[in-house]
Structure formats: structure tokens, C-alpha cells
C-alpha atoms as a PDB file:
ATOM      1  CA  MET A   1       4.060  19.651   0.412  1.00  0.00           C
ATOM      2  CA  THR A   2       5.307  17.278  -2.098  1.00  0.00           C
ATOM      3  CA  TRP A   3       5.398  13.816  -0.421  1.00  0.00           C
ATOM      4  CA  PHE A   4       5.198  11.684  -3.956  1.00  0.00           C
ATOM      5  CA  GLY A   5       8.897  13.087  -5.490  1.00  0.00           C
ATOM      6  CA  SER A   6      10.725  11.834  -8.284  1.00  0.00           C
ATOM      7  CA  PRO A   7      14.249  10.505  -8.500  1.00  0.00           C
ATOM      8  CA  ASP A   8      16.586  12.676 -10.797  1.00  0.00           C
ATOM      9  CA  ASP A   9      17.437   9.265 -12.753  1.00  0.00           C
ATOM     10  CA  PRO A  10      14.052   7.147 -12.530  1.00  0.00           C
ATOM     11  CA  SER A  11      15.766   4.383 -14.656  1.00  0.00           C
ATOM     12  CA  SER A  12      18.671   3.855 -12.415  1.00  0.00           C
ATOM     13  CA  GLY A  13      18.574   1.726  -9.342  1.00  0.00           C
ATOM     14  CA  ASP A  14      15.230  -0.140  -7.811  1.00  0.00           C
ATOM     15  CA  ALA A  15      13.241   0.568  -4.930  1.00  0.00           C
ATOM     16  CA  ARG A  16      15.479   0.130  -1.901  1.00  0.00           C
ATOM     17  CA  GLY A  17      16.931   3.044  -2.368  1.00  0.00           C
ATOM     18  CA  ALA A  18      13.260   4.543  -1.012  1.00  0.00           C
ATOM     19  CA  LEU A  19      12.466   1.477   1.320  1.00  0.00           C
ATOM     20  CA  VAL A  20      12.042   1.569   5.185  1.00  0.00           C
ATOM     21  CA  ARG A  21      12.499  -0.629   8.284  1.00  0.00           C
ATOM     22  CA  VAL A  22      10.006  -0.248  10.761  1.00  0.00           C
ATOM     23  CA  LEU A  23      11.109  -1.560  14.090  1.00  0.00           C
ATOM     24  CA  SER A  24       9.346  -2.900  17.132  1.00  0.00           C
ATOM     25  CA  SER A  25       9.951  -0.953  19.943  1.00  0.00           C
ATOM     26  CA  ASP A  26      12.317  -2.945  21.645  1.00  0.00           C
ATOM     27  CA  ARG A  27      13.844  -2.575  18.647  1.00  0.00           C
ATOM     28  CA  GLY A  28      14.655  -6.306  18.665  1.00  0.00           C
ATOM     29  CA  ARG A  29      13.444  -7.580  15.380  1.00  0.00           C
ATOM     30  CA  THR A  30      11.321  -5.645  11.989  1.00  0.00           C
ATOM     31  CA  ALA A  31       7.706  -5.056  12.266  1.00  0.00           C
ATOM     32  CA  GLY A  32       6.956  -4.327   8.855  1.00  0.00           C
ATOM     33  CA  ALA A  33       8.383  -2.433   5.713  1.00  0.00           C
ATOM     34  CA  GLY A  34       7.775   1.239   4.669  1.00  0.00           C
ATOM     35  CA  VAL A  35       8.374   3.566   1.545  1.00  0.00           C
ATOM     36  CA  TYR A  36       9.874   7.669   1.545  1.00  0.00           C
ATOM     37  CA  LEU A  37       7.612   9.684   0.205  1.00  0.00           C
ATOM     38  CA  SER A  38       9.503  12.913  -0.149  1.00  0.00           C
ATOM     39  CA  GLY A  39      10.884  15.286   2.448  1.00  0.00           C
ATOM     40  CA  ARG A  40      10.860  13.992   5.554  1.00  0.00           C
ATOM     41  CA  ARG A  41       7.494  11.658   5.309  1.00  0.00           C
ATOM     42  CA  LEU A  42       7.087   8.054   5.581  1.00  0.00           C
ATOM     43  CA  LEU A  43       4.126   5.370   4.342  1.00  0.00           C
ATOM     44  CA  THR A  44       3.258   2.012   5.546  1.00  0.00           C
ATOM     45  CA  CYS A  45       0.508   0.026   6.559  1.00  0.00           C
ATOM     46  CA  ALA A  46      -1.605   0.881   9.774  1.00  0.00           C
ATOM     47  CA  HIS A  47      -0.976  -3.376  10.830  1.00  0.00           C
ATOM     48  CA  VAL A  48       2.681  -2.564  10.274  1.00  0.00           C
ATOM     49  CA  ILE A  49       2.511   0.558  13.389  1.00  0.00           C
ATOM     50  CA  ASN A  50       0.081  -1.780  14.874  1.00  0.00           C
ATOM     51  CA  LEU A  51       3.065  -4.923  15.343  1.00  0.00           C
ATOM     52  CA  ALA A  52       6.201  -2.751  15.965  1.00  0.00           C
ATOM     53  CA  LEU A  53       3.778  -1.146  18.987  1.00  0.00           C
ATOM     54  CA  GLY A  54       2.715  -4.887  20.548  1.00  0.00           C
ATOM     55  CA  LEU A  55      -0.668  -4.417  19.882  1.00  0.00           C
ATOM     56  CA  ARG A  56      -3.237  -6.498  17.905  1.00  0.00           C
ATOM     57  CA  SER A  57      -2.549  -6.083  13.969  1.00  0.00           C
ATOM     58  CA  LEU A  58      -5.923  -5.448  12.750  1.00  0.00           C
ATOM     59  CA  SER A  59      -6.646  -2.956  16.000  1.00  0.00           C
ATOM     60  CA  PRO A  60      -9.045   0.497  14.382  1.00  0.00           C
ATOM     61  CA  HIS A  61      -7.617   2.451  17.221  1.00  0.00           C
ATOM     62  CA  ASN A  62      -5.363   5.603  16.222  1.00  0.00           C
ATOM     63  CA  PRO A  63      -2.225   5.018  19.125  1.00  0.00           C
ATOM     64  CA  GLY A  64      -1.388   8.809  19.108  1.00  0.00           C
ATOM     65  CA  GLU A  65       1.155  11.011  18.222  1.00  0.00           C
ATOM     66  CA  VAL A  66       3.681   7.394  19.155  1.00  0.00           C
ATOM     67  CA  THR A  67       6.930   8.289  17.927  1.00  0.00           C
ATOM     68  CA  LEU A  68       8.605   4.592  16.072  1.00  0.00           C
ATOM     69  CA  ASP A  69      12.759   3.830  15.334  1.00  0.00           C
ATOM     70  CA  VAL A  70      12.996   3.310  11.562  1.00  0.00           C
ATOM     71  CA  SER A  71      15.722   2.834   9.386  1.00  0.00           C
ATOM     72  CA  PHE A  72      16.964   2.889   5.638  1.00  0.00           C
ATOM     73  CA  PRO A  73      18.453  -0.393   4.060  1.00  0.00           C
ATOM     74  CA  VAL A  74      20.569   1.745   1.805  1.00  0.00           C
ATOM     75  CA  LEU A  75      22.209   3.141   5.298  1.00  0.00           C
ATOM     76  CA  SER A  76      23.916   1.994   7.785  1.00  0.00           C
ATOM     77  CA  ALA A  77      21.707  -0.615   9.636  1.00  0.00           C
ATOM     78  CA  ALA A  78      22.799   1.232  13.092  1.00  0.00           C
ATOM     79  CA  GLU A  79      21.938   4.154  11.988  1.00  0.00           C
ATOM     80  CA  LEU A  80      18.209   4.680  13.275  1.00  0.00           C
ATOM     81  CA  HIS A  81      15.842   7.410  13.083  1.00  0.00           C
ATOM     82  CA  GLN A  82      12.703   8.679  14.635  1.00  0.00           C
ATOM     83  CA  ALA A  83       9.729   9.155  12.877  1.00  0.00           C
ATOM     84  CA  ARG A  84       6.410  10.401  14.366  1.00  0.00           C
ATOM     85  CA  LEU A  85       2.853   9.217  13.088  1.00  0.00           C
ATOM     86  CA  VAL A  86       0.791  11.943  11.619  1.00  0.00           C
ATOM     87  CA  ALA A  87      -1.589  10.094   9.416  1.00  0.00           C
ATOM     88  CA  TRP A  88      -3.906   7.441  10.840  1.00  0.00           C
ATOM     89  CA  ILE A  89      -6.008   5.082   8.222  1.00  0.00           C
ATOM     90  CA  PRO A  90      -7.274   1.824   9.907  1.00  0.00           C
ATOM     91  CA  PRO A  91      -7.946  -1.404   9.291  1.00  0.00           C
ATOM     92  CA  ARG A  92     -11.519  -1.517   8.356  1.00  0.00           C
ATOM     93  CA  SER A  93     -13.934  -4.052   6.846  1.00  0.00           C
ATOM     94  CA  PRO A  94     -15.362  -3.529   3.319  1.00  0.00           C
ATOM     95  CA  GLN A  95     -18.817  -2.240   5.574  1.00  0.00           C
ATOM     96  CA  TYR A  96     -16.375   0.421   7.622  1.00  0.00           C
ATOM     97  CA  GLY A  97     -16.612  -2.329  10.684  1.00  0.00           C
ATOM     98  CA  PRO A  98     -13.858  -3.955  11.991  1.00  0.00           C
ATOM     99  CA  VAL A  99     -11.585  -6.488  10.765  1.00  0.00           C
ATOM    100  CA  ALA A 100     -12.184  -9.846  12.748  1.00  0.00           C
ATOM    101  CA  ASP A 101      -9.438 -11.751  13.199  1.00  0.00           C
ATOM    102  CA  GLY A 102      -8.816 -14.230  10.397  1.00  0.00           C
ATOM    103  CA  SER A 103      -9.708 -12.596   7.754  1.00  0.00           C
ATOM    104  CA  LEU A 104      -7.684 -12.650   4.466  1.00  0.00           C
ATOM    105  CA  GLU A 105      -8.308  -9.184   3.490  1.00  0.00           C
ATOM    106  CA  TRP A 106      -9.242  -5.652   4.320  1.00  0.00           C
ATOM    107  CA  ASP A 107      -9.803  -2.067   3.419  1.00  0.00           C
ATOM    108  CA  GLY A 108      -7.607   0.690   4.961  1.00  0.00           C
ATOM    109  CA  ASP A 109      -4.540   0.441   6.309  1.00  0.00           C
ATOM    110  CA  LEU A 110      -2.434   2.661   5.696  1.00  0.00           C
ATOM    111  CA  ALA A 111      -0.045   5.048   8.362  1.00  0.00           C
ATOM    112  CA  VAL A 112       1.977   8.236   7.381  1.00  0.00           C
ATOM    113  CA  LEU A 113       4.885   9.336   9.561  1.00  0.00           C
ATOM    114  CA  GLU A 114       7.028  12.047   9.582  1.00  0.00           C
ATOM    115  CA  LEU A 115      10.541  12.141  10.823  1.00  0.00           C
ATOM    116  CA  ASP A 116      12.392  15.461  12.473  1.00  0.00           C
ATOM    117  CA  GLU A 117      14.794  15.827   9.069  1.00  0.00           C
ATOM    118  CA  ALA A 118      14.993  14.925   5.716  1.00  0.00           C
ATOM    119  CA  PRO A 119      17.238  11.402   5.242  1.00  0.00           C
ATOM    120  CA  PRO A 120      20.765  11.895   3.526  1.00  0.00           C
ATOM    121  CA  PRO A 121      21.291  10.235   0.038  1.00  0.00           C
ATOM    122  CA  PRO A 122      21.292   8.146  -1.102  1.00  0.00           C
ATOM    123  CA  VAL A 123      17.569   7.517  -0.175  1.00  0.00           C
ATOM    124  CA  SER A 124      15.591   8.853  -3.237  1.00  0.00           C
ATOM    125  CA  PRO A 125      12.048   8.964  -3.883  1.00  0.00           C
ATOM    126  CA  LEU A 126      10.521   7.466  -6.133  1.00  0.00           C
ATOM    127  CA  ARG A 127       8.050   7.813  -9.139  1.00  0.00           C
ATOM    128  CA  TRP A 128       4.792   6.549  -8.818  1.00  0.00           C
ATOM    129  CA  LEU A 129       2.552   5.053 -11.456  1.00  0.00           C
ATOM    130  CA  GLU A 130      -0.663   3.389 -11.540  1.00  0.00           C
ATOM    131  CA  MET A 131      -1.153   0.181 -11.154  1.00  0.00           C
ATOM    132  CA  GLU A 132      -2.576  -2.418 -14.094  1.00  0.00           C
ATOM    133  CA  ARG A 133      -3.190  -5.919 -14.214  1.00  0.00           C
ATOM    134  CA  GLY A 134      -0.593  -8.339 -15.579  1.00  0.00           C
ATOM    135  CA  GLN A 135       2.622  -5.854 -14.397  1.00  0.00           C
ATOM    136  CA  GLN A 136       5.297  -7.913 -12.871  1.00  0.00           C
ATOM    137  CA  VAL A 137       6.261  -6.381  -9.862  1.00  0.00           C
ATOM    138  CA  ARG A 138       9.169  -7.031  -6.915  1.00  0.00           C
ATOM    139  CA  ALA A 139       8.808  -6.603  -3.154  1.00  0.00           C
ATOM    140  CA  TRP A 140      11.541  -6.808  -0.512  1.00  0.00           C
ATOM    141  CA  TYR A 141      11.605  -7.658   3.063  1.00  0.00           C
ATOM    142  CA  GLY A 142      11.778  -4.457   5.613  1.00  0.00           C
ATOM    143  CA  GLY A 143      15.260  -5.228   6.261  1.00  0.00           C
ATOM    144  CA  GLY A 144      15.756  -5.207   2.665  1.00  0.00           C
ATOM    145  CA  GLN A 145      18.463  -7.501   2.520  1.00  0.00           C
ATOM    146  CA  PRO A 146      19.077  -7.973  -1.438  1.00  0.00           C
ATOM    147  CA  PHE A 147      18.004 -11.885  -1.331  1.00  0.00           C
ATOM    148  CA  SER A 148      14.723 -11.192   0.413  1.00  0.00           C
ATOM    149  CA  TYR A 149      13.068  -9.597  -3.300  1.00  0.00           C
ATOM    150  CA  ALA A 150      10.104 -11.870  -3.955  1.00  0.00           C
ATOM    151  CA  ASP A 151       8.480 -11.379  -7.404  1.00  0.00           C
ATOM    152  CA  ALA A 152       5.076 -11.534  -8.159  1.00  0.00           C
ATOM    153  CA  ARG A 153       2.312 -10.892 -11.095  1.00  0.00           C
ATOM    154  CA  VAL A 154      -0.648  -8.448 -10.827  1.00  0.00           C
ATOM    155  CA  GLY A 155      -3.221 -11.054 -11.248  1.00  0.00           C
ATOM    156  CA  ALA A 156      -6.037  -8.512 -10.828  1.00  0.00           C
ATOM    157  CA  TYR A 157      -6.841  -5.357  -9.824  1.00  0.00           C
ATOM    158  CA  ASP A 158     -10.541  -3.832  -8.981  1.00  0.00           C
ATOM    159  CA  GLY A 159      -9.710  -0.271  -8.580  1.00  0.00           C
ATOM    160  CA  ARG A 160      -9.761  -1.754  -4.663  1.00  0.00           C
ATOM    161  CA  ILE A 161      -7.272  -4.244  -3.833  1.00  0.00           C
ATOM    162  CA  CYS A 162      -4.449  -5.898  -5.877  1.00  0.00           C
ATOM    163  CA  TYR A 163      -4.359  -9.762  -5.722  1.00  0.00           C
ATOM    164  CA  LEU A 164      -0.444 -11.015  -6.327  1.00  0.00           C
ATOM    165  CA  ASP A 165       0.475 -14.537  -7.785  1.00  0.00           C
ATOM    166  CA  GLY A 166       4.363 -15.090  -6.525  1.00  0.00           C
ATOM    167  CA  GLN A 167       6.615 -17.217  -8.474  1.00  0.00           C
ATOM    168  CA  LEU A 168       7.057 -20.846  -7.214  1.00  0.00           C
ATOM    169  CA  SER A 169      11.071 -20.310  -6.531  1.00  0.00           C
ATOM    170  CA  GLY A 170      13.058 -17.797  -4.830  1.00  0.00           C
ATOM    171  CA  ALA A 171      11.083 -15.881  -2.052  1.00  0.00           C
ATOM    172  CA  ALA A 172       7.486 -15.016  -1.074  1.00  0.00           C
ATOM    173  CA  VAL A 173       5.994 -11.841   0.066  1.00  0.00           C
ATOM    174  CA  ASP A 174       5.698 -12.656   3.877  1.00  0.00           C
ATOM    175  CA  GLU A 175       5.214 -11.440   7.702  1.00  0.00           C
ATOM    176  CA  GLY A 176       8.142  -7.909   7.407  1.00  0.00           C
ATOM    177  CA  TYR A 177       7.047  -7.187   3.725  1.00  0.00           C
ATOM    178  CA  SER A 178       3.736  -5.218   4.581  1.00  0.00           C
ATOM    179  CA  GLY A 179       3.630  -1.722   3.877  1.00  0.00           C
ATOM    180  CA  GLY A 180       6.492  -1.906   1.234  1.00  0.00           C
ATOM    181  CA  PRO A 181       6.855  -0.587  -2.466  1.00  0.00           C
ATOM    182  CA  LEU A 182       5.252  -2.962  -5.004  1.00  0.00           C
ATOM    183  CA  TRP A 183       8.292  -1.656  -7.996  1.00  0.00           C
ATOM    184  CA  SER A 184       6.884  -2.594 -11.272  1.00  0.00           C
ATOM    185  CA  VAL A 185      10.263  -3.663 -12.967  1.00  0.00           C
ATOM    186  CA  THR A 186       9.475  -3.325 -16.453  1.00  0.00           C
ATOM    187  CA  ASP A 187       8.407   1.058 -15.341  1.00  0.00           C
ATOM    188  CA  ARG A 188      10.895   1.176 -13.379  1.00  0.00           C
ATOM    189  CA  ALA A 189       8.799   2.592 -10.841  1.00  0.00           C
ATOM    190  CA  ALA A 190       6.378   1.995  -7.256  1.00  0.00           C
ATOM    191  CA  VAL A 191       2.641   1.151  -8.306  1.00  0.00           C
ATOM    192  CA  GLY A 192       1.495   0.179  -5.001  1.00  0.00           C
ATOM    193  CA  LEU A 193       1.938  -1.150  -1.020  1.00  0.00           C
ATOM    194  CA  VAL A 194       2.305  -4.539  -0.459  1.00  0.00           C
ATOM    195  CA  VAL A 195      -0.326  -4.960   2.340  1.00  0.00           C
ATOM    196  CA  GLY A 196      -0.876  -9.061   3.474  1.00  0.00           C
ATOM    197  CA  ARG A 197      -1.294 -12.416   2.126  1.00  0.00           C
ATOM    198  CA  ILE A 198      -3.560 -15.009   1.500  1.00  0.00           C
ATOM    199  CA  THR A 199      -2.670 -18.449   2.917  1.00  0.00           C
ATOM    200  CA  ALA A 200      -3.887 -21.780   2.544  1.00  0.00           C
ATOM    201  CA  PRO A 201      -6.121 -23.180   5.391  1.00  0.00           C
ATOM    202  CA  ASP A 202      -4.642 -24.994   8.683  1.00  0.00           C
ATOM    203  CA  GLY A 203      -4.412 -28.721   8.351  1.00  0.00           C
ATOM    204  CA  ALA A 204      -2.976 -30.956   5.205  1.00  0.00           C
ATOM    205  CA  PHE A 205      -2.572 -28.970   2.028  1.00  0.00           C
ATOM    206  CA  SER A 206      -4.778 -29.545  -1.172  1.00  0.00           C
ATOM    207  CA  ALA A 207      -4.264 -28.722  -4.450  1.00  0.00           C
ATOM    208  CA  GLN A 208      -7.255 -26.355  -4.636  1.00  0.00           C
ATOM    209  CA  ASP A 209      -5.506 -24.332  -1.820  1.00  0.00           C
ATOM    210  CA  THR A 210      -4.015 -21.193  -2.466  1.00  0.00           C
ATOM    211  CA  LEU A 211      -0.348 -20.923  -3.191  1.00  0.00           C
ATOM    212  CA  ARG A 212       2.012 -18.005  -2.865  1.00  0.00           C
ATOM    213  CA  ARG A 213      -1.046 -15.481  -3.195  1.00  0.00           C
ATOM    214  CA  SER A 214      -0.487 -12.004  -1.333  1.00  0.00           C
ATOM    215  CA  TRP A 215      -2.181  -8.428  -1.937  1.00  0.00           C
ATOM    216  CA  GLY A 216      -1.715  -4.828  -1.858  1.00  0.00           C
ATOM    217  CA  LEU A 217      -3.514  -1.761  -2.457  1.00  0.00           C
ATOM    218  CA  GLY A 218      -2.315  -0.423  -5.788  1.00  0.00           C
ATOM    219  CA  TRP A 219      -1.262   3.588  -6.556  1.00  0.00           C
ATOM    220  CA  GLN A 220      -5.000   4.666  -6.933  1.00  0.00           C
ATOM    221  CA  SER A 221      -5.664   3.147  -3.988  1.00  0.00           C
ATOM    222  CA  VAL A 222      -3.418   4.782  -1.645  1.00  0.00           C
ATOM    223  CA  LEU A 223      -4.373   8.429  -3.085  1.00  0.00           C
ATOM    224  CA  ARG A 224      -7.747   7.562  -2.539  1.00  0.00           C
ATOM    225  CA  GLU A 225      -7.399   6.485   1.045  1.00  0.00           C
ATOM    226  CA  LEU A 226      -4.856   9.258   1.782  1.00  0.00           C
ATOM    227  CA  ALA A 227      -7.186  11.449   0.198  1.00  0.00           C
ATOM    228  CA  ARG A 228      -9.912  10.577   2.525  1.00  0.00           C
ATOM    229  CA  VAL A 229      -8.028  11.904   5.824  1.00  0.00           C
ATOM    230  CA  GLY A 230      -6.570  15.462   3.803  1.00  0.00           C
ATOM    231  CA  ALA A 231      -3.313  13.904   3.582  1.00  0.00           C
ATOM    232  CA  ALA A 232      -3.082  12.857  -0.313  1.00  0.00           C
ATOM    233  CA  PRO A 233       0.176  14.659  -2.161  1.00  0.00           C
ATOM    234  CA  GLU A 234      -0.165  18.112  -3.808  1.00  0.00           C
ATOM    235  CA  HIS A 235       1.785  16.483  -6.944  1.00  0.00           C
ATOM    236  CA  VAL A 236       3.095  13.659  -8.198  1.00  0.00           C
ATOM    237  CA  ASN A 237       5.404  12.797 -11.199  1.00  0.00           C
ATOM    238  CA  GLY A 238       4.929  10.141 -13.367  1.00  0.00           C
ATOM    239  CA  GLY A 239       3.719   8.675 -16.675  1.00  0.00           C
ATOM    240  CA  ARG A 240      -0.535   7.485 -15.931  1.00  0.00           C
ATOM    241  CA  GLU A 241      -0.735   9.524 -13.049  1.00  0.00           C
ATOM    242  CA  ARG A 242      -3.898  11.275 -12.017  1.00  0.00           C
ATOM    243  CA  SER A 243      -3.960  13.722  -8.838  1.00  0.00           C
ATOM    244  CA  ALA A 244      -4.896  12.598  -5.868  1.00  0.00           C
ATOM    245  CA  ALA A 245      -7.655  15.930  -6.163  1.00  0.00           C
ATOM    246  CA  THR A 246      -8.965  14.576  -9.392  1.00  0.00           C
ATOM    247  CA  LEU A 247      -9.282  11.111  -7.644  1.00  0.00           C
ATOM    248  CA  ALA A 248     -11.130  12.374  -4.825  1.00  0.00           C
ATOM    249  CA  GLU A 249     -13.447  14.520  -6.598  1.00  0.00           C
ATOM    250  CA  ALA A 250     -14.737  11.616  -8.870  1.00  0.00           C
ATOM    251  CA  GLU A 251     -15.670   9.964  -5.942  1.00  0.00           C
ATOM    252  CA  SER A 252     -17.261  12.162  -4.388  1.00  0.00           C
ATOM    253  CA  VAL A 253     -19.255  12.658  -7.139  1.00  0.00           C
ATOM    254  CA  ARG A 254     -19.856   9.115  -7.935  1.00  0.00           C
ATOM    255  CA  ASP A 255     -20.653   8.493  -4.037  1.00  0.00           C
ATOM    256  CA  MET A 256     -23.062  11.662  -4.746  1.00  0.00           C
ATOM    257  CA  MET A 257     -24.724   9.697  -7.532  1.00  0.00           C
ATOM    258  CA  VAL A 258     -25.584   6.250  -5.801  1.00  0.00           C
ATOM    259  CA  GLY A 259     -28.535   7.501  -4.074  1.00  0.00           C
ATOM    260  CA  PRO A 260     -30.674   9.762  -6.533  1.00  0.00           C
ATOM    261  CA  LEU A 261     -30.090   6.711  -9.345  1.00  0.00           C
ATOM    262  CA  HIS A 262     -31.071   4.082  -6.940  1.00  0.00           C
ATOM    263  CA  SER A 263     -33.989   5.554  -6.738  1.00  0.00           C
ATOM    264  CA  LEU A 264     -34.382   6.317 -10.402  1.00  0.00           C
ATOM    265  CA  LEU A 265     -33.205   3.170 -11.537  1.00  0.00           C
ATOM    266  CA  GLY A 266     -33.523   0.310  -8.693  1.00  0.00           C
ATOM    267  CA  ASP A 267     -35.456  -1.875 -10.751  1.00  0.00           C
ATOM    268  CA  PRO A 268     -32.952  -4.104 -12.623  1.00  0.00           C
ATOM    269  CA  ARG A 269     -35.199  -4.269 -15.692  1.00  0.00           C
ATOM    270  CA  ALA A 270     -36.114  -0.683 -15.728  1.00  0.00           C
ATOM    271  CA  ARG A 271     -31.546  -0.002 -15.784  1.00  0.00           C
ATOM    272  CA  ALA A 272     -31.273  -2.832 -18.414  1.00  0.00           C
ATOM    273  CA  ASP A 273     -33.891  -1.014 -20.594  1.00  0.00           C
ATOM    274  CA  HIS A 274     -32.268   2.498 -20.402  1.00  0.00           C
ATOM    275  CA  ALA A 275     -28.693   0.868 -20.680  1.00  0.00           C
ATOM    276  CA  THR A 276     -29.865  -0.557 -24.000  1.00  0.00           C
ATOM    277  CA  VAL A 277     -31.498   2.891 -24.861  1.00  0.00           C
ATOM    278  CA  LEU A 278     -28.345   4.780 -24.282  1.00  0.00           C
ATOM    279  CA  ALA A 279     -26.095   1.838 -26.201  1.00  0.00           C
ATOM    280  CA  ALA A 280     -28.309   2.963 -28.868  1.00  0.00           C
END
């Protein structure tokens, strides 16, 4: 099944045609955002699922085949759809352990939901491209209100997570944005997902504190995480994309080489000598 589809005219509109609102179990609030992939599949953050269920935000425990209420902002707000959790990638620390409360960043944190049936137009899938440093991106609150857009620039991306520097005017990425797509305004394509924000510490604000910095997962990171649990799409349309199988294979080869290379070149001086010879 192809989860990441492509609209007939990717140059028109923006990501709101694929934006998903994830509601709390009592339907009283917006737990977060998500993005429509294609067919019956939706993608959001695992911590958004936790919030919707009233659980600890960064709990790593799989809640099972729960069903949540979602809606599509491009449709009527009263038109609710049920979506079942089918893939769970819990929030985890870089050391593959649980994430402590108060942490500013973490790995994983994805969830795939499946609708009972495909949503009607104008809900449509997005074109996806690789994230690159310097891209100007736009995110929306889960409710999808036109005024809720927040603009930012990809300030850094190391293949793991990306840091987003917001403008000092207009809206800022806040609660309710997590799980939504990061839309590259120039490329007219989605390049990642919103995950969290980095806030100033409690107390008086200092000139040294971070201002309007949030973070997310780039397209490459999303595919890699989905591939870990066998939930990667089979095919993706776009200009700079690589297949999920290629990404997963490259990572597998890298992981297999780490041990032998460390045994052979564990001494930093030996590595430097060999690197000098190789460069020559």
C-alpha cells in the first residue's frame, strides 16, 4: 500500500488539505495535529496519542489498538472520523531508554492511525521531499484555522531531529501543533513533522534564553523510524526522495560496520593516519 501519495496538482494550495485534528477522548479539546498520508492512513506523534487518552505525554507504553476521534479542518468541524492505532513508535531517549519529564528533545515519537474508510475530497495527500537546512517551513495548529499558521526556518538538521527558528512576529509553534506537517513554502511540499518546542526556563526571561525555537523530525527521519517497525510506505512521489527500503538498508549496513571498524580503528591516531592515506 502506498501511504505517501501525491496530489494531482502539488503546486496548488498548502498542507491544510492533509491536516488532521486529533481530539481528546472526551472530544472537548484538540490533543494535537496529524497528517493524512493516503488511503486510510494518518500519521501523528505518539505523545499526541498519549495526550488524547489522558496519559503521561512521554509514556513509552503502547496503548494497544485504541480508537480516537479525528477530524479534517478542510471538512466540516462537526464531521468526526474514527481512527485506530496500528503502528506505535514510542518517545525514547538517544540511549533508547525512557524520556524523563522536562526533557527538551527525544527520538522516536510517531504513530500511524487507520481510518475505517478513506476521507472524501478535498482531503488529499501531500508531496514529500527531503528536509534541508535553510528551508522556510510553515506549520498549523491542529484545528487548522487559517490564522494559526506559524512560520519558521530550518536552522539545523543532523539527520536525527531538526531545529526550527520562528519569526518574532505572528504565531509561534505551541501546544496543539505537534504531529502536523512542516510545509516547505518554496518547494510546495511537506518535509517533516512538528514534534516539540524548546522553551525558556522558569523565572525571569534572559537575553540568553531561547526564543521561538521548536523542533521536529525531517522526512528522512520519519521514513527511517517507520522502517524500524515495518510501517514504511512502499513508494513516495517527489523530487529529492529516496525509498524507505534504501534508507533502511543504508542504516543497516552502517550499523553492521560500526563494530568491526571500531575494533580495527579504535585508536584515534590510527584513524587519523588511515584517513590521511585514504584522502591522498
